[in-house]
Amino acid sequence: MTDPGYRTVELDGFEILVGRSARDNDHLSLKVARPRDFWLHAHGFAGSHVVVRHPEGTGDVPRHVIERAAELAAWHSKARGARGKISVHLCRAADVSKPRGSPVGQVRLRSFDTVKVYPKE
């Protein structure tokens, strides 16, 4: 079986997908993620793109699932060793785009919220 390029964590019926490399992040964010999925990334640090998939594809995701995904985004970034809380950007996957000519792994967010969490594996 081929490696999908991301790690999967399950929490209360939700899939949390964590990219492994810049190329995998592009694939995860732009091809695998569905428009209503949530997308997360540690602000200001190189690191994994994280996608939360809703089991039914629509509806709200509980706060504790978003916080866990944010912890994983912070952990799988250069912010891993930080002592304080890390800002993690959060948006719907539909708000993520790839600017023409941008480096692998770099995306643009149309709009986003920010959550602050401690990095946690």
Protein backbone atom coordinates (compact mmCIF):
# COMPACT_ATOMS: atom_id res chain seq x y z
CA MET A 1 0.00 0.00 0.00
CA THR A 2 1.25 3.50 -0.85
CA ASP A 3 1.95 6.01 1.94
CA PRO A 4 -0.75 8.71 1.66
CA GLY A 5 1.70 11.42 2.81
CA TYR A 6 -0.14 12.18 6.01
CA ARG A 7 -0.69 10.70 9.44
CA THR A 8 -4.26 10.03 10.62
CA VAL A 9 -5.46 10.49 14.20
CA GLU A 10 -9.06 9.65 15.16
CA LEU A 11 -10.92 11.47 17.92
CA ASP A 12 -14.61 10.94 18.69
CA GLY A 13 -15.38 9.89 15.11
CA PHE A 14 -13.43 12.75 13.52
CA GLU A 15 -10.34 12.20 11.39
CA ILE A 16 -7.41 14.52 11.97
CA LEU A 17 -4.96 14.36 9.05
CA VAL A 18 -1.40 15.66 9.59
CA GLY A 19 0.87 16.35 6.59
CA ARG A 20 4.40 14.92 6.61
CA SER A 21 6.30 17.21 4.19
CA ALA A 22 5.80 20.43 2.22
CA ARG A 23 4.76 18.45 -0.87
CA ASP A 24 2.41 16.31 1.23
CA ASN A 25 0.97 19.49 2.80
CA ASP A 26 0.08 20.81 -0.67
CA HIS A 27 -1.60 17.53 -1.58
CA LEU A 28 -3.46 17.29 1.74
CA SER A 29 -4.64 20.91 1.73
CA LEU A 30 -5.55 21.24 -1.94
CA LYS A 31 -6.57 17.73 -3.08
CA VAL A 32 -7.57 15.63 -0.05
CA ALA A 33 -9.36 18.24 2.07
CA ARG A 34 -13.03 18.84 1.26
CA PRO A 35 -14.36 22.42 1.23
CA ARG A 36 -16.17 22.09 4.60
CA ASP A 37 -13.23 20.40 6.36
CA PHE A 38 -11.26 22.49 8.83
CA TRP A 39 -7.63 23.39 8.04
CA LEU A 40 -5.00 24.36 10.64
CA HIS A 41 -1.35 25.50 10.68
CA ALA A 42 1.00 26.95 13.33
CA HIS A 43 1.26 30.69 12.61
CA GLY A 44 4.76 31.96 11.86
CA PHE A 45 6.45 28.54 11.86
CA ALA A 46 7.24 25.99 9.18
CA GLY A 47 5.24 22.86 9.85
CA SER A 48 2.52 20.43 8.96
CA HIS A 49 -0.83 21.36 7.52
CA VAL A 50 -3.60 19.69 9.54
CA VAL A 51 -7.10 18.87 8.29
CA VAL A 52 -10.10 17.88 10.42
CA ARG A 53 -12.68 15.84 8.52
CA HIS A 54 -16.24 15.73 9.74
CA PRO A 55 -17.71 12.19 9.59
CA GLU A 56 -20.82 13.40 7.76
CA GLY A 57 -18.97 16.05 5.79
CA THR A 58 -20.98 18.95 7.20
CA GLY A 59 -21.80 20.53 10.52
CA ASP A 60 -19.83 21.79 13.46
CA VAL A 61 -16.75 20.20 14.95
CA PRO A 62 -16.60 20.15 18.77
CA ARG A 63 -14.16 22.61 20.35
CA HIS A 64 -12.06 19.84 21.95
CA VAL A 65 -11.47 18.26 18.50
CA ILE A 66 -10.34 21.62 17.06
CA GLU A 67 -8.06 22.18 20.07
CA ARG A 68 -6.51 18.71 19.68
CA ALA A 69 -5.90 19.35 15.97
CA ALA A 70 -4.32 22.71 16.86
CA GLU A 71 -2.04 20.99 19.41
CA LEU A 72 -0.93 18.59 16.68
CA ALA A 73 -0.33 21.47 14.24
CA ALA A 74 1.85 23.20 16.85
CA TRP A 75 3.70 19.96 17.72
CA HIS A 76 4.42 19.11 14.08
CA SER A 77 6.03 22.51 13.46
CA LYS A 78 9.21 24.39 14.32
CA ALA A 79 7.28 25.65 17.38
CA ARG A 80 7.48 22.21 19.02
CA GLY A 81 9.99 23.29 21.70
CA ALA A 82 8.24 26.55 22.57
CA ARG A 83 7.44 27.15 26.23
CA GLY A 84 4.30 29.23 25.79
CA LYS A 85 1.13 28.89 23.79
CA ILE A 86 1.37 28.94 19.99
CA SER A 87 -1.05 30.72 17.67
CA VAL A 88 -2.58 28.30 15.18
CA HIS A 89 -4.57 29.55 12.21
CA LEU A 90 -7.90 27.81 11.58
CA CYS A 91 -10.22 28.07 8.58
CA ARG A 92 -12.39 25.99 6.27
CA ALA A 93 -10.43 24.20 3.55
CA ALA A 94 -12.43 26.19 1.00
CA ASP A 95 -10.55 29.29 2.23
CA VAL A 96 -7.13 27.77 1.42
CA SER A 97 -5.57 28.44 -1.98
CA LYS A 98 -2.19 28.15 -3.66
CA PRO A 99 -0.80 31.39 -5.12
CA ARG A 100 0.65 30.90 -8.59
CA GLY A 101 4.41 30.42 -8.41
CA SER A 102 4.52 30.04 -4.63
CA PRO A 103 6.93 27.56 -3.03
CA VAL A 104 5.85 24.00 -2.27
CA GLY A 105 3.87 23.91 0.98
CA GLN A 106 2.96 27.60 0.95
CA VAL A 107 -0.72 28.53 0.77
CA ARG A 108 -2.88 31.64 1.13
CA LEU A 109 -5.84 31.92 3.51
CA ARG A 110 -8.84 34.00 2.46
CA SER A 111 -10.03 34.31 6.07
CA PHE A 112 -9.12 32.58 9.32
CA ASP A 113 -9.51 32.47 13.08
CA THR A 114 -6.71 31.88 15.57
CA VAL A 115 -6.58 29.49 18.51
CA LYS A 116 -3.75 29.41 21.06
CA VAL A 117 -2.52 26.06 22.35
CA TYR A 118 0.54 24.38 23.79
CA PRO A 119 2.29 22.02 21.34
CA LYS A 120 1.30 18.45 22.25
CA GLU A 121 2.01 15.15 20.51
